[in-house]
């Protein structure tokens, strides 16, 4: 009996939030756009959580590759990114559970990110440095924009506050990624 009431409450809340929000852009295949701009059904909170989880997966996976193939600077950055993004994933899981956000965190990369990882694994050593750095800069820019939007316009107050608290760390990580060698 309680579950239908909670579901109805979420639907009412989501309806009220979307009634005040502009219409989302039409969906495009994930391979055509960065993680932060893919629309999905469900609440704004669930959409934000899914995008963050997917972004963290590619950043962790690519950083694991950099630990083996990267320059010393990239290896140090990669170690920091793995630790940082694993913490973000743990925070996200805790928030999803505490806030009862109706989503299962994705556990697999999408096809476009799988392709990016395969390329990163197979690119010749001389090109790896540029590929990894470019991927990290792009992903951190996208993540920062995603968190800024949710911190400003999010529909879940606790998740919104968390996004706002994460902004300084994301800015720091972006600045660090931009300082990585590109050749």
C-alpha atoms as a PDB file:
ATOM      1  CA  UNK A   1       0.000   0.000   0.000  1.00  0.00           C
ATOM      2  CA  UNK A   2       2.847   2.409   0.847  1.00  0.00           C
ATOM      3  CA  UNK A   3       4.707   1.792  -2.447  1.00  0.00           C
ATOM      4  CA  UNK A   4       1.829   2.967  -4.720  1.00  0.00           C
ATOM      5  CA  UNK A   5       1.505   6.099  -2.573  1.00  0.00           C
ATOM      6  CA  UNK A   6       5.251   6.800  -2.856  1.00  0.00           C
ATOM      7  CA  UNK A   7       5.134   6.224  -6.597  1.00  0.00           C
ATOM      8  CA  UNK A   8       2.170   8.558  -6.922  1.00  0.00           C
ATOM      9  CA  UNK A   9       4.011  11.160  -4.856  1.00  0.00           C
ATOM     10  CA  UNK A  10       7.086  10.921  -7.118  1.00  0.00           C
ATOM     11  CA  UNK A  11       4.886  11.253 -10.171  1.00  0.00           C
ATOM     12  CA  UNK A  12       3.207  14.354  -8.774  1.00  0.00           C
ATOM     13  CA  UNK A  13       6.573  15.874  -7.866  1.00  0.00           C
ATOM     14  CA  UNK A  14       8.056  15.054 -11.265  1.00  0.00           C
ATOM     15  CA  UNK A  15       4.988  16.455 -13.033  1.00  0.00           C
ATOM     16  CA  UNK A  16       5.223  19.700 -11.073  1.00  0.00           C
ATOM     17  CA  UNK A  17       8.956  20.017 -11.797  1.00  0.00           C
ATOM     18  CA  UNK A  18       8.580  19.330 -15.490  1.00  0.00           C
ATOM     19  CA  UNK A  19       5.626  21.706 -15.762  1.00  0.00           C
ATOM     20  CA  UNK A  20       8.011  24.482 -14.732  1.00  0.00           C
ATOM     21  CA  UNK A  21      10.907  23.283 -16.888  1.00  0.00           C
ATOM     22  CA  UNK A  22      11.482  23.898 -20.583  1.00  0.00           C
ATOM     23  CA  UNK A  23      10.854  20.970 -22.896  1.00  0.00           C
ATOM     24  CA  UNK A  24      13.971  18.796 -23.283  1.00  0.00           C
ATOM     25  CA  UNK A  25      15.714  18.568 -26.626  1.00  0.00           C
ATOM     26  CA  UNK A  26      14.822  15.549 -28.754  1.00  0.00           C
ATOM     27  CA  UNK A  27      16.912  12.465 -28.090  1.00  0.00           C
ATOM     28  CA  UNK A  28      19.881  11.688 -30.295  1.00  0.00           C
ATOM     29  CA  UNK A  29      22.000   8.550 -30.270  1.00  0.00           C
ATOM     30  CA  UNK A  30      24.477   8.569 -27.369  1.00  0.00           C
ATOM     31  CA  UNK A  31      27.377   8.237 -29.786  1.00  0.00           C
ATOM     32  CA  UNK A  32      26.557  11.661 -31.289  1.00  0.00           C
ATOM     33  CA  UNK A  33      26.612  13.722 -28.112  1.00  0.00           C
ATOM     34  CA  UNK A  34      28.533  13.913 -24.835  1.00  0.00           C
ATOM     35  CA  UNK A  35      27.148  12.122 -21.786  1.00  0.00           C
ATOM     36  CA  UNK A  36      25.911  15.363 -20.262  1.00  0.00           C
ATOM     37  CA  UNK A  37      23.473  16.143 -23.059  1.00  0.00           C
ATOM     38  CA  UNK A  38      21.695  12.802 -23.544  1.00  0.00           C
ATOM     39  CA  UNK A  39      18.016  13.030 -22.583  1.00  0.00           C
ATOM     40  CA  UNK A  40      16.354  10.092 -20.891  1.00  0.00           C
ATOM     41  CA  UNK A  41      12.952   9.362 -19.451  1.00  0.00           C
ATOM     42  CA  UNK A  42      12.308   9.769 -15.754  1.00  0.00           C
ATOM     43  CA  UNK A  43      12.911  12.433 -13.190  1.00  0.00           C
ATOM     44  CA  UNK A  44      15.563  15.088 -13.539  1.00  0.00           C
ATOM     45  CA  UNK A  45      17.336  13.497 -10.543  1.00  0.00           C
ATOM     46  CA  UNK A  46      17.375  10.042 -12.140  1.00  0.00           C
ATOM     47  CA  UNK A  47      18.665  11.512 -15.396  1.00  0.00           C
ATOM     48  CA  UNK A  48      21.438  13.388 -13.571  1.00  0.00           C
ATOM     49  CA  UNK A  49      22.418  10.283 -11.585  1.00  0.00           C
ATOM     50  CA  UNK A  50      22.578   8.135 -14.732  1.00  0.00           C
ATOM     51  CA  UNK A  51      24.764  10.672 -16.543  1.00  0.00           C
ATOM     52  CA  UNK A  52      27.116  11.035 -13.579  1.00  0.00           C
ATOM     53  CA  UNK A  53      27.456   7.264 -13.239  1.00  0.00           C
ATOM     54  CA  UNK A  54      28.225   6.824 -16.950  1.00  0.00           C
ATOM     55  CA  UNK A  55      30.754   9.660 -16.869  1.00  0.00           C
ATOM     56  CA  UNK A  56      32.483   8.210 -13.815  1.00  0.00           C
ATOM     57  CA  UNK A  57      32.724   4.798 -15.481  1.00  0.00           C
ATOM     58  CA  UNK A  58      34.610   6.094 -18.528  1.00  0.00           C
ATOM     59  CA  UNK A  59      36.871   8.302 -16.418  1.00  0.00           C
ATOM     60  CA  UNK A  60      37.774   5.401 -14.104  1.00  0.00           C
ATOM     61  CA  UNK A  61      38.241   2.889 -16.934  1.00  0.00           C
ATOM     62  CA  UNK A  62      40.385   5.240 -19.035  1.00  0.00           C
ATOM     63  CA  UNK A  63      42.452   6.145 -15.980  1.00  0.00           C
ATOM     64  CA  UNK A  64      43.136   2.467 -15.300  1.00  0.00           C
ATOM     65  CA  UNK A  65      44.546   2.224 -18.813  1.00  0.00           C
ATOM     66  CA  UNK A  66      46.627   5.369 -18.199  1.00  0.00           C
ATOM     67  CA  UNK A  67      48.097   3.760 -15.085  1.00  0.00           C
ATOM     68  CA  UNK A  68      49.718   1.229 -17.446  1.00  0.00           C
ATOM     69  CA  UNK A  69      50.343   3.297 -20.586  1.00  0.00           C
ATOM     70  CA  UNK A  70      50.490   6.945 -19.578  1.00  0.00           C
ATOM     71  CA  UNK A  71      53.320   9.342 -18.906  1.00  0.00           C
ATOM     72  CA  UNK A  72      54.381   9.770 -15.266  1.00  0.00           C
ATOM     73  CA  UNK A  73      52.210  12.915 -15.039  1.00  0.00           C
ATOM     74  CA  UNK A  74      49.250  11.041 -16.484  1.00  0.00           C
ATOM     75  CA  UNK A  75      49.781   8.127 -14.132  1.00  0.00           C
ATOM     76  CA  UNK A  76      49.701  10.438 -11.112  1.00  0.00           C
ATOM     77  CA  UNK A  77      46.583  12.154 -12.465  1.00  0.00           C
ATOM     78  CA  UNK A  78      44.980   8.779 -13.274  1.00  0.00           C
ATOM     79  CA  UNK A  79      45.551   7.499  -9.737  1.00  0.00           C
ATOM     80  CA  UNK A  80      43.889  10.634  -8.359  1.00  0.00           C
ATOM     81  CA  UNK A  81      40.959  10.286 -10.804  1.00  0.00           C
ATOM     82  CA  UNK A  82      40.343   6.650  -9.902  1.00  0.00           C
ATOM     83  CA  UNK A  83      40.226   7.494  -6.196  1.00  0.00           C
ATOM     84  CA  UNK A  84      38.109  10.615  -6.741  1.00  0.00           C
ATOM     85  CA  UNK A  85      35.574   9.014  -9.069  1.00  0.00           C
ATOM     86  CA  UNK A  86      35.238   5.871  -6.959  1.00  0.00           C
ATOM     87  CA  UNK A  87      34.337   8.190  -4.063  1.00  0.00           C
ATOM     88  CA  UNK A  88      31.801   9.984  -6.265  1.00  0.00           C
ATOM     89  CA  UNK A  89      30.234   6.636  -7.206  1.00  0.00           C
ATOM     90  CA  UNK A  90      30.001   5.661  -3.520  1.00  0.00           C
ATOM     91  CA  UNK A  91      28.410   9.042  -2.684  1.00  0.00           C
ATOM     92  CA  UNK A  92      26.008   8.657  -5.574  1.00  0.00           C
ATOM     93  CA  UNK A  93      24.931   5.172  -4.463  1.00  0.00           C
ATOM     94  CA  UNK A  94      24.340   6.472  -0.938  1.00  0.00           C
ATOM     95  CA  UNK A  95      22.297   9.430  -2.202  1.00  0.00           C
ATOM     96  CA  UNK A  96      20.232   7.297  -4.585  1.00  0.00           C
ATOM     97  CA  UNK A  97      19.357   4.993  -1.713  1.00  0.00           C
ATOM     98  CA  UNK A  98      18.715   7.750   0.841  1.00  0.00           C
ATOM     99  CA  UNK A  99      16.649   9.850  -1.556  1.00  0.00           C
ATOM    100  CA  UNK A 100      14.860   6.802  -3.015  1.00  0.00           C
ATOM    101  CA  UNK A 101      15.669   7.972  -6.546  1.00  0.00           C
ATOM    102  CA  UNK A 102      14.026   5.489  -8.914  1.00  0.00           C
ATOM    103  CA  UNK A 103      17.087   4.343 -10.878  1.00  0.00           C
ATOM    104  CA  UNK A 104      19.568   1.514 -11.019  1.00  0.00           C
ATOM    105  CA  UNK A 105      23.042   2.858 -11.593  1.00  0.00           C
ATOM    106  CA  UNK A 106      24.411   1.673 -14.934  1.00  0.00           C
ATOM    107  CA  UNK A 107      27.180  -0.891 -14.567  1.00  0.00           C
ATOM    108  CA  UNK A 108      28.290  -1.029 -18.193  1.00  0.00           C
ATOM    109  CA  UNK A 109      29.628   1.597 -20.542  1.00  0.00           C
ATOM    110  CA  UNK A 110      27.533   2.592 -23.517  1.00  0.00           C
ATOM    111  CA  UNK A 111      28.695   1.540 -27.000  1.00  0.00           C
ATOM    112  CA  UNK A 112      30.327   4.890 -27.801  1.00  0.00           C
ATOM    113  CA  UNK A 113      32.399   4.805 -24.615  1.00  0.00           C
ATOM    114  CA  UNK A 114      33.343   1.166 -25.195  1.00  0.00           C
ATOM    115  CA  UNK A 115      34.639   2.210 -28.617  1.00  0.00           C
ATOM    116  CA  UNK A 116      36.602   5.090 -27.033  1.00  0.00           C
ATOM    117  CA  UNK A 117      38.186   2.710 -24.532  1.00  0.00           C
ATOM    118  CA  UNK A 118      39.063   0.187 -27.231  1.00  0.00           C
ATOM    119  CA  UNK A 119      40.745   2.981 -29.191  1.00  0.00           C
ATOM    120  CA  UNK A 120      42.623   4.119 -26.087  1.00  0.00           C
ATOM    121  CA  UNK A 121      43.815   0.563 -25.418  1.00  0.00           C
ATOM    122  CA  UNK A 122      45.047   0.050 -28.968  1.00  0.00           C
ATOM    123  CA  UNK A 123      46.442   3.465 -29.936  1.00  0.00           C
ATOM    124  CA  UNK A 124      50.202   3.499 -30.403  1.00  0.00           C
ATOM    125  CA  UNK A 125      52.194   4.665 -27.402  1.00  0.00           C
ATOM    126  CA  UNK A 126      53.200   7.972 -29.000  1.00  0.00           C
ATOM    127  CA  UNK A 127      49.532   8.936 -29.481  1.00  0.00           C
ATOM    128  CA  UNK A 128      48.276   7.653 -26.146  1.00  0.00           C
ATOM    129  CA  UNK A 129      49.314  10.772 -24.243  1.00  0.00           C
ATOM    130  CA  UNK A 130      47.261  13.064 -26.496  1.00  0.00           C
ATOM    131  CA  UNK A 131      44.262  10.706 -26.615  1.00  0.00           C
ATOM    132  CA  UNK A 132      44.020  10.244 -22.855  1.00  0.00           C
ATOM    133  CA  UNK A 133      44.500  13.940 -22.111  1.00  0.00           C
ATOM    134  CA  UNK A 134      41.884  14.953 -24.684  1.00  0.00           C
ATOM    135  CA  UNK A 135      39.404  12.419 -23.288  1.00  0.00           C
ATOM    136  CA  UNK A 136      39.933  13.606 -19.707  1.00  0.00           C
ATOM    137  CA  UNK A 137      39.645  17.303 -20.568  1.00  0.00           C
ATOM    138  CA  UNK A 138      36.471  16.723 -22.590  1.00  0.00           C
ATOM    139  CA  UNK A 139      34.872  14.525 -19.933  1.00  0.00           C
ATOM    140  CA  UNK A 140      35.712  16.911 -17.112  1.00  0.00           C
ATOM    141  CA  UNK A 141      34.304  19.871 -19.038  1.00  0.00           C
ATOM    142  CA  UNK A 142      31.112  17.899 -19.674  1.00  0.00           C
ATOM    143  CA  UNK A 143      30.901  16.778 -16.043  1.00  0.00           C
ATOM    144  CA  UNK A 144      31.408  20.309 -14.759  1.00  0.00           C
ATOM    145  CA  UNK A 145      28.629  21.611 -17.017  1.00  0.00           C
ATOM    146  CA  UNK A 146      26.329  18.765 -15.928  1.00  0.00           C
ATOM    147  CA  UNK A 147      26.929  19.444 -12.222  1.00  0.00           C
ATOM    148  CA  UNK A 148      26.552  23.218 -12.664  1.00  0.00           C
ATOM    149  CA  UNK A 149      23.181  22.769 -14.383  1.00  0.00           C
ATOM    150  CA  UNK A 150      21.890  20.372 -11.756  1.00  0.00           C
ATOM    151  CA  UNK A 151      23.223  22.502  -8.883  1.00  0.00           C
ATOM    152  CA  UNK A 152      21.254  25.418 -10.320  1.00  0.00           C
ATOM    153  CA  UNK A 153      18.064  23.753 -11.585  1.00  0.00           C
ATOM    154  CA  UNK A 154      17.924  20.277 -10.008  1.00  0.00           C
ATOM    155  CA  UNK A 155      14.688  18.806  -8.687  1.00  0.00           C
ATOM    156  CA  UNK A 156      16.051  16.981  -5.612  1.00  0.00           C
ATOM    157  CA  UNK A 157      17.306  19.359  -2.928  1.00  0.00           C
ATOM    158  CA  UNK A 158      19.841  16.968  -1.344  1.00  0.00           C
ATOM    159  CA  UNK A 159      21.216  15.860  -4.706  1.00  0.00           C
ATOM    160  CA  UNK A 160      21.302  19.504  -5.794  1.00  0.00           C
ATOM    161  CA  UNK A 161      23.293  20.444  -2.657  1.00  0.00           C
ATOM    162  CA  UNK A 162      25.696  17.544  -3.305  1.00  0.00           C
ATOM    163  CA  UNK A 163      26.191  18.691  -6.913  1.00  0.00           C
ATOM    164  CA  UNK A 164      26.963  22.185  -5.630  1.00  0.00           C
ATOM    165  CA  UNK A 165      29.487  20.812  -3.083  1.00  0.00           C
ATOM    166  CA  UNK A 166      31.210  18.837  -5.863  1.00  0.00           C
ATOM    167  CA  UNK A 167      31.816  21.879  -8.097  1.00  0.00           C
ATOM    168  CA  UNK A 168      35.157  23.002  -6.565  1.00  0.00           C
ATOM    169  CA  UNK A 169      36.599  19.480  -6.892  1.00  0.00           C
ATOM    170  CA  UNK A 170      35.394  19.217 -10.485  1.00  0.00           C
ATOM    171  CA  UNK A 171      36.941  22.588 -11.345  1.00  0.00           C
ATOM    172  CA  UNK A 172      40.200  21.432  -9.744  1.00  0.00           C
ATOM    173  CA  UNK A 173      40.150  18.162 -11.718  1.00  0.00           C
ATOM    174  CA  UNK A 174      39.449  20.006 -14.976  1.00  0.00           C
ATOM    175  CA  UNK A 175      42.348  22.390 -14.326  1.00  0.00           C
ATOM    176  CA  UNK A 176      44.621  19.412 -13.597  1.00  0.00           C
ATOM    177  CA  UNK A 177      43.492  17.626 -16.774  1.00  0.00           C
ATOM    178  CA  UNK A 178      44.148  20.759 -18.834  1.00  0.00           C
ATOM    179  CA  UNK A 179      47.738  20.837 -17.509  1.00  0.00           C
ATOM    180  CA  UNK A 180      48.470  17.254 -18.603  1.00  0.00           C
ATOM    181  CA  UNK A 181      50.933  16.796 -21.450  1.00  0.00           C
ATOM    182  CA  UNK A 182      49.428  16.399 -24.895  1.00  0.00           C
ATOM    183  CA  UNK A 183      52.473  14.938 -26.573  1.00  0.00           C
END
